[in-house]
Amino acid sequence: MKNFSVFLATGLLSIGLAHADICADMGAAYQQSQSHFDGWKKEGKEGVGKEYGSNFLLDGARSCAISGDSAGYSCVWRFATPVELGQAYQRMVGEIKACQPLLKQAPGIINDKPEERTQGNLRRSMEVTGFDYGDAGVVVMVGQMQVTSIQSGINVSRNELKFSFVRAAARP
């Protein structure tokens, strides 16, 4: 099967970004979703915590999983800085917007406004952009989340990008 790299190459954790053809890769995910991602599930592994491990990792991803109901596939990347995270997020959203429809209709685009929450010494900031491919029964979501806290006087930060491809309904 064609390498399903969203656009993030192994060197993604550096500031440089590279990608394969995200549009073709989303087409491959659409095809794989028709068989409930069975070709991407780890052999001999049971679903853990409502997810299956994936034997198919996108380039540079820290982890990839298939949802417990086998309707979705998602991957997570981590970045060293919020700037790198923001650049990767904007680039992925832009690339997906430029893709042709999965079937015939262009997706509806849902942009969540950035959300920030603070509790004690923990700050979480996140933003999600969704693409609703209604005629294909698919929703693609790209999200960025930054969590910052101070532990023992040290500033700790986690910067994550998540790509999710979810098949909403079975199609003939």
C-alpha atoms as a PDB file:
ATOM      1  CA  MET A   1       0.000   0.000   0.000  1.00  0.00           C
ATOM      2  CA  LYS A   2       1.170   3.538  -0.773  1.00  0.00           C
ATOM      3  CA  ASN A   3       2.957   5.228   2.075  1.00  0.00           C
ATOM      4  CA  PHE A   4       0.300   7.245   3.904  1.00  0.00           C
ATOM      5  CA  SER A   5       2.412  10.153   5.086  1.00  0.00           C
ATOM      6  CA  VAL A   6       0.197  13.082   5.905  1.00  0.00           C
ATOM      7  CA  PHE A   7       2.948  15.547   5.132  1.00  0.00           C
ATOM      8  CA  LEU A   8       5.317  15.109   7.940  1.00  0.00           C
ATOM      9  CA  ALA A   9       8.646  13.532   7.162  1.00  0.00           C
ATOM     10  CA  THR A  10      10.991  11.994   9.688  1.00  0.00           C
ATOM     11  CA  GLY A  11      12.749  15.327  10.058  1.00  0.00           C
ATOM     12  CA  LEU A  12       9.506  16.979  11.087  1.00  0.00           C
ATOM     13  CA  LEU A  13      10.600  17.562  14.646  1.00  0.00           C
ATOM     14  CA  SER A  14      12.983  20.131  13.279  1.00  0.00           C
ATOM     15  CA  ILE A  15      11.613  23.393  11.958  1.00  0.00           C
ATOM     16  CA  GLY A  16      11.704  22.161   8.349  1.00  0.00           C
ATOM     17  CA  LEU A  17       8.474  20.698   7.042  1.00  0.00           C
ATOM     18  CA  ALA A  18       8.092  18.250   4.186  1.00  0.00           C
ATOM     19  CA  HIS A  19       5.193  16.224   2.934  1.00  0.00           C
ATOM     20  CA  ALA A  20       4.127  13.704   0.404  1.00  0.00           C
ATOM     21  CA  ASP A  21       0.902  14.218  -1.522  1.00  0.00           C
ATOM     22  CA  ILE A  22      -1.638  14.665   1.294  1.00  0.00           C
ATOM     23  CA  CYS A  23      -4.492  14.601  -1.179  1.00  0.00           C
ATOM     24  CA  ALA A  24      -3.494  11.158  -2.487  1.00  0.00           C
ATOM     25  CA  ASP A  25      -2.858  10.013   1.073  1.00  0.00           C
ATOM     26  CA  MET A  26      -6.359  11.018   2.150  1.00  0.00           C
ATOM     27  CA  GLY A  27      -7.672   9.033  -0.825  1.00  0.00           C
ATOM     28  CA  ALA A  28      -5.739   6.011   0.455  1.00  0.00           C
ATOM     29  CA  ALA A  29      -7.237   6.509   3.924  1.00  0.00           C
ATOM     30  CA  TYR A  30     -10.690   6.698   2.370  1.00  0.00           C
ATOM     31  CA  GLN A  31     -10.099   3.376   0.604  1.00  0.00           C
ATOM     32  CA  GLN A  32      -8.731   1.751   3.774  1.00  0.00           C
ATOM     33  CA  SER A  33     -11.688   3.062   5.808  1.00  0.00           C
ATOM     34  CA  GLN A  34     -14.061   1.014   3.651  1.00  0.00           C
ATOM     35  CA  SER A  35     -12.599  -2.146   5.211  1.00  0.00           C
ATOM     36  CA  HIS A  36     -12.663  -0.626   8.735  1.00  0.00           C
ATOM     37  CA  PHE A  37      -8.889  -0.078   8.567  1.00  0.00           C
ATOM     38  CA  ASP A  38      -8.409  -3.850   8.918  1.00  0.00           C
ATOM     39  CA  GLY A  39      -5.208  -3.676   6.855  1.00  0.00           C
ATOM     40  CA  TRP A  40      -3.710  -1.190   9.295  1.00  0.00           C
ATOM     41  CA  LYS A  41      -4.605  -2.924  12.578  1.00  0.00           C
ATOM     42  CA  LYS A  42      -1.783  -4.647  14.413  1.00  0.00           C
ATOM     43  CA  GLU A  43      -1.951  -8.406  13.962  1.00  0.00           C
ATOM     44  CA  GLY A  44      -2.767 -10.395  17.081  1.00  0.00           C
ATOM     45  CA  LYS A  45      -3.431  -7.298  19.201  1.00  0.00           C
ATOM     46  CA  GLU A  46      -6.694  -6.623  20.951  1.00  0.00           C
ATOM     47  CA  GLY A  47      -8.087  -3.129  21.217  1.00  0.00           C
ATOM     48  CA  VAL A  48      -6.660  -1.352  24.250  1.00  0.00           C
ATOM     49  CA  GLY A  49      -8.585   1.469  25.871  1.00  0.00           C
ATOM     50  CA  LYS A  50     -11.129   1.586  23.050  1.00  0.00           C
ATOM     51  CA  GLU A  51      -8.387   1.761  20.407  1.00  0.00           C
ATOM     52  CA  TYR A  52      -6.383  -0.640  18.276  1.00  0.00           C
ATOM     53  CA  GLY A  53      -2.710  -0.153  17.697  1.00  0.00           C
ATOM     54  CA  SER A  54      -1.822   0.599  14.102  1.00  0.00           C
ATOM     55  CA  ASN A  55       0.927  -1.162  12.188  1.00  0.00           C
ATOM     56  CA  PHE A  56       0.863   1.772   9.825  1.00  0.00           C
ATOM     57  CA  LEU A  57       2.531   4.900  11.239  1.00  0.00           C
ATOM     58  CA  LEU A  58       2.560   8.151   9.346  1.00  0.00           C
ATOM     59  CA  ASP A  59       6.020   9.604   8.801  1.00  0.00           C
ATOM     60  CA  GLY A  60       7.307  11.283  11.929  1.00  0.00           C
ATOM     61  CA  ALA A  61       4.236  10.408  14.017  1.00  0.00           C
ATOM     62  CA  ARG A  62       4.806   9.596  17.657  1.00  0.00           C
ATOM     63  CA  SER A  63       1.828   7.217  17.576  1.00  0.00           C
ATOM     64  CA  CYS A  64      -1.107   6.166  15.385  1.00  0.00           C
ATOM     65  CA  ALA A  65      -4.258   4.294  16.341  1.00  0.00           C
ATOM     66  CA  ILE A  66      -7.553   2.991  15.006  1.00  0.00           C
ATOM     67  CA  SER A  67     -10.687   3.722  17.007  1.00  0.00           C
ATOM     68  CA  GLY A  68     -12.373   0.885  18.869  1.00  0.00           C
ATOM     69  CA  ASP A  69     -15.327   0.965  16.480  1.00  0.00           C
ATOM     70  CA  SER A  70     -12.869   0.812  13.532  1.00  0.00           C
ATOM     71  CA  ALA A  71     -14.344   3.956  12.006  1.00  0.00           C
ATOM     72  CA  GLY A  72     -11.353   6.247  12.520  1.00  0.00           C
ATOM     73  CA  TYR A  73      -7.604   6.496  12.145  1.00  0.00           C
ATOM     74  CA  SER A  74      -5.528   9.130  13.926  1.00  0.00           C
ATOM     75  CA  CYS A  75      -1.898  10.068  14.476  1.00  0.00           C
ATOM     76  CA  VAL A  76      -0.109  12.400  16.878  1.00  0.00           C
ATOM     77  CA  TRP A  77       3.141  14.333  16.407  1.00  0.00           C
ATOM     78  CA  ARG A  78       5.059  16.218  19.083  1.00  0.00           C
ATOM     79  CA  PHE A  79       7.094  19.364  18.515  1.00  0.00           C
ATOM     80  CA  ALA A  80       9.830  21.057  20.495  1.00  0.00           C
ATOM     81  CA  THR A  81       8.270  24.539  20.429  1.00  0.00           C
ATOM     82  CA  PRO A  82       4.868  26.185  20.036  1.00  0.00           C
ATOM     83  CA  VAL A  83       6.171  27.960  16.919  1.00  0.00           C
ATOM     84  CA  GLU A  84       6.976  24.650  15.200  1.00  0.00           C
ATOM     85  CA  LEU A  85       3.565  23.304  16.224  1.00  0.00           C
ATOM     86  CA  GLY A  86       1.771  26.361  14.837  1.00  0.00           C
ATOM     87  CA  GLN A  87       3.623  26.159  11.541  1.00  0.00           C
ATOM     88  CA  ALA A  88       2.858  22.443  11.136  1.00  0.00           C
ATOM     89  CA  TYR A  89      -0.814  23.007  11.988  1.00  0.00           C
ATOM     90  CA  GLN A  90      -1.242  25.867   9.518  1.00  0.00           C
ATOM     91  CA  ARG A  91       0.567  23.974   6.796  1.00  0.00           C
ATOM     92  CA  MET A  92      -1.524  20.814   7.236  1.00  0.00           C
ATOM     93  CA  VAL A  93      -4.790  22.789   7.222  1.00  0.00           C
ATOM     94  CA  GLY A  94      -3.716  24.673   4.079  1.00  0.00           C
ATOM     95  CA  GLU A  95      -2.712  21.514   2.247  1.00  0.00           C
ATOM     96  CA  ILE A  96      -6.014  19.784   3.032  1.00  0.00           C
ATOM     97  CA  LYS A  97      -7.991  22.854   1.915  1.00  0.00           C
ATOM     98  CA  ALA A  98      -6.210  22.651  -1.456  1.00  0.00           C
ATOM     99  CA  CYS A  99      -7.229  18.994  -2.054  1.00  0.00           C
ATOM    100  CA  GLN A 100      -9.919  17.924  -4.499  1.00  0.00           C
ATOM    101  CA  PRO A 101     -13.062  16.432  -2.907  1.00  0.00           C
ATOM    102  CA  LEU A 102     -12.882  12.777  -1.851  1.00  0.00           C
ATOM    103  CA  LEU A 103     -15.908  12.089  -4.065  1.00  0.00           C
ATOM    104  CA  LYS A 104     -17.738  14.985  -5.749  1.00  0.00           C
ATOM    105  CA  GLN A 105     -18.519  17.622  -3.139  1.00  0.00           C
ATOM    106  CA  ALA A 106     -15.992  19.978  -1.584  1.00  0.00           C
ATOM    107  CA  PRO A 107     -15.881  19.667   2.205  1.00  0.00           C
ATOM    108  CA  GLY A 108     -17.590  21.994   4.574  1.00  0.00           C
ATOM    109  CA  ILE A 109     -14.919  23.568   6.767  1.00  0.00           C
ATOM    110  CA  ILE A 110     -15.447  23.931  10.486  1.00  0.00           C
ATOM    111  CA  ASN A 111     -12.989  26.143  12.345  1.00  0.00           C
ATOM    112  CA  ASP A 112     -13.069  26.037  16.115  1.00  0.00           C
ATOM    113  CA  LYS A 113     -11.842  29.208  17.692  1.00  0.00           C
ATOM    114  CA  PRO A 114      -8.693  28.819  19.736  1.00  0.00           C
ATOM    115  CA  GLU A 115      -9.507  27.847  23.294  1.00  0.00           C
ATOM    116  CA  GLU A 116      -7.335  28.476  26.304  1.00  0.00           C
ATOM    117  CA  ARG A 117      -7.871  27.122  29.821  1.00  0.00           C
ATOM    118  CA  THR A 118      -5.822  27.659  32.930  1.00  0.00           C
ATOM    119  CA  GLN A 119      -6.000  25.678  36.149  1.00  0.00           C
ATOM    120  CA  GLY A 120      -3.386  26.270  38.820  1.00  0.00           C
ATOM    121  CA  ASN A 121       0.019  26.130  37.117  1.00  0.00           C
ATOM    122  CA  LEU A 122      -1.367  24.279  34.073  1.00  0.00           C
ATOM    123  CA  ARG A 123      -2.268  26.100  30.845  1.00  0.00           C
ATOM    124  CA  ARG A 124      -3.861  24.350  27.857  1.00  0.00           C
ATOM    125  CA  SER A 125      -4.372  25.992  24.475  1.00  0.00           C
ATOM    126  CA  MET A 126      -5.990  24.182  21.574  1.00  0.00           C
ATOM    127  CA  GLU A 127      -7.452  24.767  18.118  1.00  0.00           C
ATOM    128  CA  VAL A 128      -9.170  22.377  15.699  1.00  0.00           C
ATOM    129  CA  THR A 129     -10.126  22.646  12.034  1.00  0.00           C
ATOM    130  CA  GLY A 130     -12.582  20.098  10.651  1.00  0.00           C
ATOM    131  CA  PHE A 131     -13.344  19.115   7.075  1.00  0.00           C
ATOM    132  CA  ASP A 132     -16.777  17.536   6.525  1.00  0.00           C
ATOM    133  CA  TYR A 133     -16.810  15.448   3.343  1.00  0.00           C
ATOM    134  CA  GLY A 134     -20.588  14.828   3.506  1.00  0.00           C
ATOM    135  CA  ASP A 135     -21.010  12.876   0.279  1.00  0.00           C
ATOM    136  CA  ALA A 136     -18.150  10.536   1.270  1.00  0.00           C
ATOM    137  CA  GLY A 137     -19.354  10.159   4.851  1.00  0.00           C
ATOM    138  CA  VAL A 138     -15.966  11.294   6.170  1.00  0.00           C
ATOM    139  CA  VAL A 139     -14.762  13.938   8.602  1.00  0.00           C
ATOM    140  CA  VAL A 140     -11.088  14.931   8.733  1.00  0.00           C
ATOM    141  CA  MET A 141      -9.877  16.891  11.741  1.00  0.00           C
ATOM    142  CA  VAL A 142      -6.564  18.599  12.383  1.00  0.00           C
ATOM    143  CA  GLY A 143      -5.877  19.891  15.857  1.00  0.00           C
ATOM    144  CA  GLN A 144      -3.081  21.526  17.755  1.00  0.00           C
ATOM    145  CA  MET A 145      -2.726  21.476  21.514  1.00  0.00           C
ATOM    146  CA  GLN A 146      -0.134  23.113  23.713  1.00  0.00           C
ATOM    147  CA  VAL A 147       0.050  22.234  27.403  1.00  0.00           C
ATOM    148  CA  THR A 148       2.393  24.204  29.644  1.00  0.00           C
ATOM    149  CA  SER A 149       2.992  23.742  33.349  1.00  0.00           C
ATOM    150  CA  ILE A 150       5.574  24.596  35.937  1.00  0.00           C
ATOM    151  CA  GLN A 151       6.797  21.563  37.863  1.00  0.00           C
ATOM    152  CA  SER A 152       9.407  22.037  40.600  1.00  0.00           C
ATOM    153  CA  GLY A 153      10.225  25.474  39.201  1.00  0.00           C
ATOM    154  CA  ILE A 154      10.837  24.087  35.685  1.00  0.00           C
ATOM    155  CA  ASN A 155       8.660  25.114  32.749  1.00  0.00           C
ATOM    156  CA  VAL A 156       7.362  21.943  31.024  1.00  0.00           C
ATOM    157  CA  SER A 157       5.672  22.131  27.636  1.00  0.00           C
ATOM    158  CA  ARG A 158       3.991  19.582  25.362  1.00  0.00           C
ATOM    159  CA  ASN A 159       3.135  20.632  21.795  1.00  0.00           C
ATOM    160  CA  GLU A 160       0.998  18.133  19.859  1.00  0.00           C
ATOM    161  CA  LEU A 161      -0.515  18.002  16.392  1.00  0.00           C
ATOM    162  CA  LYS A 162      -3.257  15.445  15.730  1.00  0.00           C
ATOM    163  CA  PHE A 163      -4.668  14.278  12.387  1.00  0.00           C
ATOM    164  CA  SER A 164      -7.895  12.249  12.471  1.00  0.00           C
ATOM    165  CA  PHE A 165      -9.718  10.605   9.563  1.00  0.00           C
ATOM    166  CA  VAL A 166     -13.173   9.337  10.602  1.00  0.00           C
ATOM    167  CA  ARG A 167     -15.671   7.492   8.494  1.00  0.00           C
ATOM    168  CA  ALA A 168     -19.074   8.641   9.743  1.00  0.00           C
ATOM    169  CA  ALA A 169     -21.233   6.093   7.917  1.00  0.00           C
ATOM    170  CA  ALA A 170     -20.855   3.002   5.773  1.00  0.00           C
ATOM    171  CA  ARG A 171     -21.248   3.692   2.063  1.00  0.00           C
ATOM    172  CA  PRO A 172     -22.112   1.087  -0.567  1.00  0.00           C
END
